[in-house]
Amino acid sequence: MDGLLLDSERPFRDEWLAEAERRGYPVDHTIYSKVIGRNERDSREVFCGHFGNNFPYDEICFRVRDILEQGIARNGHQLKSGVLDLLHHLSARSVPCVVATSTSQSLARARLQNAKILSWFRDVSGGDEVSRGKPAPDLFLLAAKKQNASPQDCLVLEDSEYGARAAHTAGMQVIVIPDLKEPPPDVRNFSLGIFPTLPEARPAIATWLAGKKPFETRKIS
């Protein structure tokens, strides 16, 4: 969701770094890159592991969300380039779409509703529904299970390396559209493709779909 559908990763990062700096914790981009695409529990461990257990992770998150949500309430969420065109394209071909995000399910639904795209998705799976976050495969396996779909019949569009690894470990195909960080060699090796934007990824998505038509969801055994 964040960084692929919604252009939310960059403003969140910038405000997060600024708030940490105001509290006396200079967070550089190397440290921050370790938490892109991960859930709150794992992100907290990364920062506390670096700065110590007194690092005010929850206070920073609360303040940053408060600042950003005020702006979102006024202006709404900005969609990433090509999102609506792709959703129209997939809907016209009766391809089921779901969201699997490290964000909690309730917050994810609220953000998607605010962006006026929630109705395009059959379901939303959130990071609060699994015990292990990305790069563990649990979140994607849950999303597939809810749709009675086999992992090998699923294509995942991801912006982060942790999400891409989670999809790959789940046995799914993955296309990466990087947002804040370029994928490392291992992700490039197993991905169907790496593309700067969703519109540029469309031919690869179409090629994958061509091998799946007519689309069928197969129940996990």
Foldseek 3Di string as FASTA:
>chain_A
DDQAWFVPPVLLVVQLQVLLVVVPHRDDPVLVLVCVQKAPVVNLCSVCVVVNPVRPSVVSVVVSCVVVVVVCVVPNTDTFPPNVVVLVVCVVLVNAAEAQGQAQQVVVLVNCVSNVNNVSHPYYFYNVVDPGIFVAQVRVVVVLQVVLAQLCLDEEEEAGQRVLNNSVVSVHAYEYQHGPDDHDPVSCVRHLYYDPHPVVCVVVVVVSVVVQPVPDGHGDD
